[in-house]
PDB file of N, CA and C in Angstrom:
ATOM      1  N   MET A   1     -35.382   0.686  51.289  1.00  0.00           N
ATOM      2  CA  MET A   1     -35.033  -0.760  50.587  1.00  0.00           C
ATOM      3  C   MET A   1     -34.407  -1.875  51.292  1.00  0.00           C
ATOM      4  N   PRO A   2     -34.878  -2.834  51.351  1.00  0.00           N
ATOM      5  CA  PRO A   2     -34.303  -4.084  51.895  1.00  0.00           C
ATOM      6  C   PRO A   2     -32.963  -4.535  51.471  1.00  0.00           C
ATOM      7  N   LEU A   3     -31.540  -4.899  52.454  1.00  0.00           N
ATOM      8  CA  LEU A   3     -30.400  -5.417  51.803  1.00  0.00           C
ATOM      9  C   LEU A   3     -30.065  -6.714  51.890  1.00  0.00           C
ATOM     10  N   ASN A   4     -29.594  -7.294  51.167  1.00  0.00           N
ATOM     11  CA  ASN A   4     -29.235  -8.492  51.482  1.00  0.00           C
ATOM     12  C   ASN A   4     -27.865  -8.704  52.244  1.00  0.00           C
ATOM     13  N   THR A   5     -27.425  -9.087  53.331  1.00  0.00           N
ATOM     14  CA  THR A   5     -26.420  -8.429  54.263  1.00  0.00           C
ATOM     15  C   THR A   5     -25.867  -9.393  54.070  1.00  0.00           C
ATOM     16  N   GLU A   6     -26.185 -10.897  53.877  1.00  0.00           N
ATOM     17  CA  GLU A   6     -25.065 -11.930  53.354  1.00  0.00           C
ATOM     18  C   GLU A   6     -24.180 -11.579  52.295  1.00  0.00           C
ATOM     19  N   LYS A   7     -24.975 -10.879  51.229  1.00  0.00           N
ATOM     20  CA  LYS A   7     -23.978 -10.339  50.316  1.00  0.00           C
ATOM     21  C   LYS A   7     -23.051  -9.578  50.646  1.00  0.00           C
ATOM     22  N   ILE A   8     -23.321  -8.403  51.163  1.00  0.00           N
ATOM     23  CA  ILE A   8     -22.463  -7.603  51.873  1.00  0.00           C
ATOM     24  C   ILE A   8     -21.406  -8.163  52.420  1.00  0.00           C
ATOM     25  N   ASP A   9     -21.749  -8.998  53.298  1.00  0.00           N
ATOM     26  CA  ASP A   9     -20.762  -9.439  54.261  1.00  0.00           C
ATOM     27  C   ASP A   9     -19.415 -10.468  53.402  1.00  0.00           C
ATOM     28  N   ASP A  10     -20.174 -11.260  52.421  1.00  0.00           N
ATOM     29  CA  ASP A  10     -19.449 -11.883  51.552  1.00  0.00           C
ATOM     30  C   ASP A  10     -18.532 -10.782  50.721  1.00  0.00           C
ATOM     31  N   ALA A  11     -18.951  -9.651  50.158  1.00  0.00           N
ATOM     32  CA  ALA A  11     -18.124  -8.680  49.440  1.00  0.00           C
ATOM     33  C   ALA A  11     -17.011  -7.908  50.465  1.00  0.00           C
ATOM     34  N   ALA A  12     -17.529  -7.709  51.528  1.00  0.00           N
ATOM     35  CA  ALA A  12     -16.354  -6.824  52.437  1.00  0.00           C
ATOM     36  C   ALA A  12     -15.496  -7.946  52.477  1.00  0.00           C
ATOM     37  N   LEU A  13     -15.518  -9.165  53.010  1.00  0.00           N
ATOM     38  CA  LEU A  13     -14.868 -10.422  53.664  1.00  0.00           C
ATOM     39  C   LEU A  13     -13.821 -10.644  52.228  1.00  0.00           C
ATOM     40  N   ALA A  14     -14.478 -10.656  51.147  1.00  0.00           N
ATOM     41  CA  ALA A  14     -13.368 -10.609  50.011  1.00  0.00           C
ATOM     42  C   ALA A  14     -12.273  -9.824  49.719  1.00  0.00           C
ATOM     43  N   LEU A  15     -13.081  -8.287  50.110  1.00  0.00           N
ATOM     44  CA  LEU A  15     -12.395  -6.998  50.130  1.00  0.00           C
ATOM     45  C   LEU A  15     -11.455  -6.701  51.171  1.00  0.00           C
ATOM     46  N   LEU A  16     -11.601  -7.436  52.537  1.00  0.00           N
ATOM     47  CA  LEU A  16     -10.620  -7.263  53.481  1.00  0.00           C
ATOM     48  C   LEU A  16      -9.378  -8.372  52.892  1.00  0.00           C
ATOM     49  N   TYR A  17      -9.679  -9.329  52.206  1.00  0.00           N
ATOM     50  CA  TYR A  17      -8.673 -10.069  51.832  1.00  0.00           C
ATOM     51  C   TYR A  17      -7.644  -9.633  50.603  1.00  0.00           C
ATOM     52  N   LEU A  18      -8.194  -8.546  50.198  1.00  0.00           N
ATOM     53  CA  LEU A  18      -7.284  -7.686  49.266  1.00  0.00           C
ATOM     54  C   LEU A  18      -6.121  -6.882  50.265  1.00  0.00           C
ATOM     55  N   THR A  19      -6.588  -6.489  51.473  1.00  0.00           N
ATOM     56  CA  THR A  19      -5.312  -5.836  52.023  1.00  0.00           C
ATOM     57  C   THR A  19      -4.712  -6.531  53.025  1.00  0.00           C
ATOM     58  N   LEU A  20      -4.982  -8.035  52.896  1.00  0.00           N
ATOM     59  CA  LEU A  20      -4.071  -8.896  53.884  1.00  0.00           C
ATOM     60  C   LEU A  20      -2.798  -8.651  53.984  1.00  0.00           C
ATOM     61  N   HIS A  21      -2.312  -8.665  55.095  1.00  0.00           N
ATOM     62  CA  HIS A  21      -0.933  -8.493  55.626  1.00  0.00           C
ATOM     63  C   HIS A  21      -0.631  -9.175  56.701  1.00  0.00           C
ATOM     64  N   ASP A  22       0.849  -9.491  57.134  1.00  0.00           N
ATOM     65  CA  ASP A  22       1.442 -10.223  57.919  1.00  0.00           C
ATOM     66  C   ASP A  22       0.226 -11.460  58.234  1.00  0.00           C
ATOM     67  N   ASP A  23       0.186 -12.234  56.969  1.00  0.00           N
ATOM     68  CA  ASP A  23      -0.589 -13.549  56.878  1.00  0.00           C
ATOM     69  C   ASP A  23      -2.052 -13.507  57.744  1.00  0.00           C
ATOM     70  N   TYR A  24      -2.447 -12.931  58.330  1.00  0.00           N
ATOM     71  CA  TYR A  24      -3.812 -12.820  59.028  1.00  0.00           C
ATOM     72  C   TYR A  24      -4.502 -11.752  59.400  1.00  0.00           C
ATOM     73  N   ARG A  25      -3.676 -10.346  58.917  1.00  0.00           N
ATOM     74  CA  ARG A  25      -4.208  -8.936  59.276  1.00  0.00           C
ATOM     75  C   ARG A  25      -4.863  -8.322  58.180  1.00  0.00           C
ATOM     76  N   ALA A  26      -5.809  -7.870  58.232  1.00  0.00           N
ATOM     77  CA  ALA A  26      -6.517  -6.714  57.223  1.00  0.00           C
ATOM     78  C   ALA A  26      -6.772  -5.442  57.901  1.00  0.00           C
ATOM     79  N   TRP A  27      -6.728  -4.169  56.987  1.00  0.00           N
ATOM     80  CA  TRP A  27      -7.333  -3.086  57.413  1.00  0.00           C
ATOM     81  C   TRP A  27      -8.578  -2.963  57.350  1.00  0.00           C
ATOM     82  N   LYS A  28      -9.245  -2.471  58.714  1.00  0.00           N
ATOM     83  CA  LYS A  28     -10.743  -2.234  58.980  1.00  0.00           C
ATOM     84  C   LYS A  28     -11.063  -1.056  58.425  1.00  0.00           C
ATOM     85  N   GLY A  29     -11.513  -1.186  56.928  1.00  0.00           N
ATOM     86  CA  GLY A  29     -12.200   0.180  56.615  1.00  0.00           C
ATOM     87  C   GLY A  29     -13.582   0.121  55.688  1.00  0.00           C
ATOM     88  N   PHE A  30     -14.370  -1.072  56.966  1.00  0.00           N
ATOM     89  CA  PHE A  30     -15.533  -1.188  56.529  1.00  0.00           C
ATOM     90  C   PHE A  30     -16.501  -0.536  57.734  1.00  0.00           C
ATOM     91  N   ASP A  31     -17.704  -0.802  57.045  1.00  0.00           N
ATOM     92  CA  ASP A  31     -18.876  -0.450  58.088  1.00  0.00           C
ATOM     93  C   ASP A  31     -18.839  -1.393  59.541  1.00  0.00           C
ATOM     94  N   TRP A  32     -18.926  -0.638  60.481  1.00  0.00           N
ATOM     95  CA  TRP A  32     -18.998  -1.448  62.110  1.00  0.00           C
ATOM     96  C   TRP A  32     -19.813  -2.620  61.999  1.00  0.00           C
ATOM     97  N   ASP A  33     -21.123  -1.920  61.266  1.00  0.00           N
ATOM     98  CA  ASP A  33     -22.239  -3.621  61.575  1.00  0.00           C
ATOM     99  C   ASP A  33     -21.757  -4.744  60.730  1.00  0.00           C
ATOM    100  N   VAL A  34     -20.845  -4.561  59.543  1.00  0.00           N
ATOM    101  CA  VAL A  34     -20.530  -5.317  58.555  1.00  0.00           C
ATOM    102  C   VAL A  34     -19.025  -6.150  59.516  1.00  0.00           C
ATOM    103  N   LEU A  35     -18.329  -5.561  59.970  1.00  0.00           N
ATOM    104  CA  LEU A  35     -17.693  -6.308  61.098  1.00  0.00           C
ATOM    105  C   LEU A  35     -17.954  -6.674  62.175  1.00  0.00           C
ATOM    106  N   GLY A  36     -18.936  -6.445  62.743  1.00  0.00           N
ATOM    107  CA  GLY A  36     -19.618  -7.024  63.624  1.00  0.00           C
ATOM    108  C   GLY A  36     -20.158  -8.427  63.385  1.00  0.00           C
ATOM    109  N   ARG A  37     -20.826  -8.348  62.209  1.00  0.00           N
ATOM    110  CA  ARG A  37     -21.504  -9.636  61.618  1.00  0.00           C
ATOM    111  C   ARG A  37     -20.623 -10.684  61.504  1.00  0.00           C
ATOM    112  N   LEU A  38     -19.240 -10.303  60.783  1.00  0.00           N
ATOM    113  CA  LEU A  38     -18.222 -10.982  60.424  1.00  0.00           C
ATOM    114  C   LEU A  38     -17.688 -11.612  61.752  1.00  0.00           C
ATOM    115  N   HIS A  39     -17.628 -11.060  62.361  1.00  0.00           N
ATOM    116  CA  HIS A  39     -17.508 -11.335  63.955  1.00  0.00           C
ATOM    117  C   HIS A  39     -18.050 -12.548  64.368  1.00  0.00           C
ATOM    118  N   GLU A  40     -19.167 -12.083  64.489  1.00  0.00           N
ATOM    119  CA  GLU A  40     -20.243 -13.108  65.069  1.00  0.00           C
ATOM    120  C   GLU A  40     -20.193 -14.350  64.329  1.00  0.00           C
ATOM    121  N   LYS A  41     -19.614 -14.313  62.798  1.00  0.00           N
ATOM    122  CA  LYS A  41     -19.717 -15.730  62.168  1.00  0.00           C
ATOM    123  C   LYS A  41     -18.563 -16.439  61.897  1.00  0.00           C
ATOM    124  N   GLY A  42     -17.631 -15.826  63.183  1.00  0.00           N
ATOM    125  CA  GLY A  42     -16.428 -16.338  63.227  1.00  0.00           C
ATOM    126  C   GLY A  42     -15.367 -16.195  62.365  1.00  0.00           C
ATOM    127  N   MET A  43     -15.661 -15.245  61.380  1.00  0.00           N
ATOM    128  CA  MET A  43     -14.503 -15.171  60.221  1.00  0.00           C
ATOM    129  C   MET A  43     -13.410 -14.064  60.579  1.00  0.00           C
ATOM    130  N   ILE A  44     -13.798 -13.198  61.683  1.00  0.00           N
ATOM    131  CA  ILE A  44     -12.675 -12.024  62.119  1.00  0.00           C
ATOM    132  C   ILE A  44     -12.865 -12.138  63.595  1.00  0.00           C
ATOM    133  N   HIS A  45     -11.651 -11.918  64.197  1.00  0.00           N
ATOM    134  CA  HIS A  45     -11.701 -11.678  65.707  1.00  0.00           C
ATOM    135  C   HIS A  45     -12.024 -10.638  65.758  1.00  0.00           C
ATOM    136  N   ASP A  46     -12.639 -10.118  67.282  1.00  0.00           N
ATOM    137  CA  ASP A  46     -12.990  -8.973  67.775  1.00  0.00           C
ATOM    138  C   ASP A  46     -12.433  -7.867  66.902  1.00  0.00           C
ATOM    139  N   PRO A  47     -13.533  -7.056  66.077  1.00  0.00           N
ATOM    140  CA  PRO A  47     -12.951  -6.155  65.571  1.00  0.00           C
ATOM    141  C   PRO A  47     -12.714  -4.496  66.271  1.00  0.00           C
ATOM    142  N   VAL A  48     -13.381  -4.711  67.392  1.00  0.00           N
ATOM    143  CA  VAL A  48     -13.414  -3.250  68.490  1.00  0.00           C
ATOM    144  C   VAL A  48     -12.037  -3.175  69.224  1.00  0.00           C
ATOM    145  N   GLY A  49     -11.719  -1.977  68.982  1.00  0.00           N
ATOM    146  CA  GLY A  49     -10.111  -1.364  69.422  1.00  0.00           C
ATOM    147  C   GLY A  49      -9.384  -0.369  68.582  1.00  0.00           C
ATOM    148  N   LYS A  50      -8.668  -0.126  69.250  1.00  0.00           N
ATOM    149  CA  LYS A  50      -7.651   1.136  68.587  1.00  0.00           C
ATOM    150  C   LYS A  50      -7.056   0.963  67.658  1.00  0.00           C
ATOM    151  N   THR A  51      -6.689  -0.525  67.171  1.00  0.00           N
ATOM    152  CA  THR A  51      -5.710  -1.284  65.847  1.00  0.00           C
ATOM    153  C   THR A  51      -6.758  -0.628  64.814  1.00  0.00           C
ATOM    154  N   LYS A  52      -6.011  -0.417  63.584  1.00  0.00           N
ATOM    155  CA  LYS A  52      -6.586  -0.238  62.458  1.00  0.00           C
ATOM    156  C   LYS A  52      -6.742  -1.461  61.622  1.00  0.00           C
ATOM    157  N   SER A  53      -6.573  -2.436  62.181  1.00  0.00           N
ATOM    158  CA  SER A  53      -6.724  -3.626  61.416  1.00  0.00           C
ATOM    159  C   SER A  53      -7.228  -4.738  62.251  1.00  0.00           C
ATOM    160  N   VAL A  54      -8.036  -5.569  61.297  1.00  0.00           N
ATOM    161  CA  VAL A  54      -8.726  -6.831  62.393  1.00  0.00           C
ATOM    162  C   VAL A  54      -7.941  -8.178  61.665  1.00  0.00           C
ATOM    163  N   VAL A  55      -8.096  -9.145  62.682  1.00  0.00           N
ATOM    164  CA  VAL A  55      -7.199 -10.142  62.408  1.00  0.00           C
ATOM    165  C   VAL A  55      -8.485 -11.340  61.773  1.00  0.00           C
ATOM    166  N   PHE A  56      -7.699 -12.310  60.682  1.00  0.00           N
ATOM    167  CA  PHE A  56      -8.852 -13.329  60.350  1.00  0.00           C
ATOM    168  C   PHE A  56      -8.620 -14.412  61.402  1.00  0.00           C
ATOM    169  N   THR A  57      -9.885 -15.240  61.281  1.00  0.00           N
ATOM    170  CA  THR A  57      -9.639 -16.615  62.155  1.00  0.00           C
ATOM    171  C   THR A  57      -9.264 -17.381  60.892  1.00  0.00           C
ATOM    172  N   GLN A  58      -8.882 -18.675  61.129  1.00  0.00           N
ATOM    173  CA  GLN A  58      -8.085 -19.483  60.175  1.00  0.00           C
ATOM    174  C   GLN A  58      -9.411 -19.520  58.808  1.00  0.00           C
ATOM    175  N   GLU A  59     -10.536 -19.920  59.540  1.00  0.00           N
ATOM    176  CA  GLU A  59     -12.066 -20.164  58.413  1.00  0.00           C
ATOM    177  C   GLU A  59     -12.138 -19.028  57.708  1.00  0.00           C
ATOM    178  N   GLY A  60     -12.149 -17.647  58.640  1.00  0.00           N
ATOM    179  CA  GLY A  60     -12.321 -16.602  57.641  1.00  0.00           C
ATOM    180  C   GLY A  60     -11.430 -16.184  56.627  1.00  0.00           C
ATOM    181  N   ARG A  61     -10.090 -16.400  56.792  1.00  0.00           N
ATOM    182  CA  ARG A  61      -9.167 -16.315  55.619  1.00  0.00           C
ATOM    183  C   ARG A  61      -9.023 -17.146  54.738  1.00  0.00           C
ATOM    184  N   ASP A  62      -9.617 -18.271  54.936  1.00  0.00           N
ATOM    185  CA  ASP A  62      -9.797 -19.088  53.991  1.00  0.00           C
ATOM    186  C   ASP A  62     -10.965 -19.016  53.130  1.00  0.00           C
ATOM    187  N   ARG A  63     -12.339 -18.755  53.881  1.00  0.00           N
ATOM    188  CA  ARG A  63     -13.444 -17.967  52.775  1.00  0.00           C
ATOM    189  C   ARG A  63     -13.030 -16.579  52.137  1.00  0.00           C
ATOM    190  N   ALA A  64     -12.284 -16.129  52.973  1.00  0.00           N
ATOM    191  CA  ALA A  64     -12.064 -14.637  52.496  1.00  0.00           C
ATOM    192  C   ALA A  64     -11.105 -14.966  50.735  1.00  0.00           C
ATOM    193  N   LYS A  65     -10.184 -15.898  51.079  1.00  0.00           N
ATOM    194  CA  LYS A  65      -9.387 -16.300  49.662  1.00  0.00           C
ATOM    195  C   LYS A  65     -10.309 -16.474  48.733  1.00  0.00           C
ATOM    196  N   GLN A  66     -11.141 -17.930  49.032  1.00  0.00           N
ATOM    197  CA  GLN A  66     -12.009 -18.220  48.123  1.00  0.00           C
ATOM    198  C   GLN A  66     -13.082 -17.198  47.349  1.00  0.00           C
ATOM    199  N   LEU A  67     -13.447 -16.319  48.218  1.00  0.00           N
ATOM    200  CA  LEU A  67     -14.216 -15.120  48.178  1.00  0.00           C
ATOM    201  C   LEU A  67     -13.587 -14.295  46.949  1.00  0.00           C
ATOM    202  N   PHE A  68     -12.387 -13.736  47.297  1.00  0.00           N
ATOM    203  CA  PHE A  68     -11.903 -12.889  46.728  1.00  0.00           C
ATOM    204  C   PHE A  68     -11.536 -13.454  45.191  1.00  0.00           C
ATOM    205  N   GLU A  69     -10.997 -15.068  45.262  1.00  0.00           N
ATOM    206  CA  GLU A  69     -10.716 -15.278  43.511  1.00  0.00           C
ATOM    207  C   GLU A  69     -11.942 -15.633  43.340  1.00  0.00           C
ATOM    208  N   THR A  70     -13.278 -16.095  43.692  1.00  0.00           N
ATOM    209  CA  THR A  70     -14.163 -16.080  42.541  1.00  0.00           C
ATOM    210  C   THR A  70     -14.779 -15.010  42.162  1.00  0.00           C
ATOM    211  N   MET A  71     -14.796 -13.682  43.185  1.00  0.00           N
ATOM    212  CA  MET A  71     -15.454 -12.628  42.383  1.00  0.00           C
ATOM    213  C   MET A  71     -14.287 -11.724  41.634  1.00  0.00           C
ATOM    214  N   PHE A  72     -13.303 -11.628  41.930  1.00  0.00           N
ATOM    215  CA  PHE A  72     -12.048 -10.836  40.880  1.00  0.00           C
ATOM    216  C   PHE A  72     -11.342 -11.289  40.465  1.00  0.00           C
ATOM    217  N   LYS A  73     -11.001 -12.574  40.238  1.00  0.00           N
ATOM    218  CA  LYS A  73      -9.885 -13.401  39.137  1.00  0.00           C
ATOM    219  C   LYS A  73     -10.476 -13.411  38.002  1.00  0.00           C
ATOM    220  N   GLU A  74      -9.617 -13.122  36.882  1.00  0.00           N
ATOM    221  CA  GLU A  74      -9.524 -13.153  35.715  1.00  0.00           C
ATOM    222  C   GLU A  74      -9.743 -14.438  35.088  1.00  0.00           C
TER     223      GLU A  74
END
């Protein structure tokens, strides 16, 4: 079944915002392919490493906040 990776990436970015801490860090509990695509799009810094969190870029944090509010705000 073909998947819409743009929608998957947007949902993952919004959910990363849910775990935001220290202003720009989020827990990285998502599929490596998704995190890799978000890195390629400039939304997060390189996710590869032993740390359990990723760091948003300014653009990524702004987009994540906008997506989070659009998808989940009542």
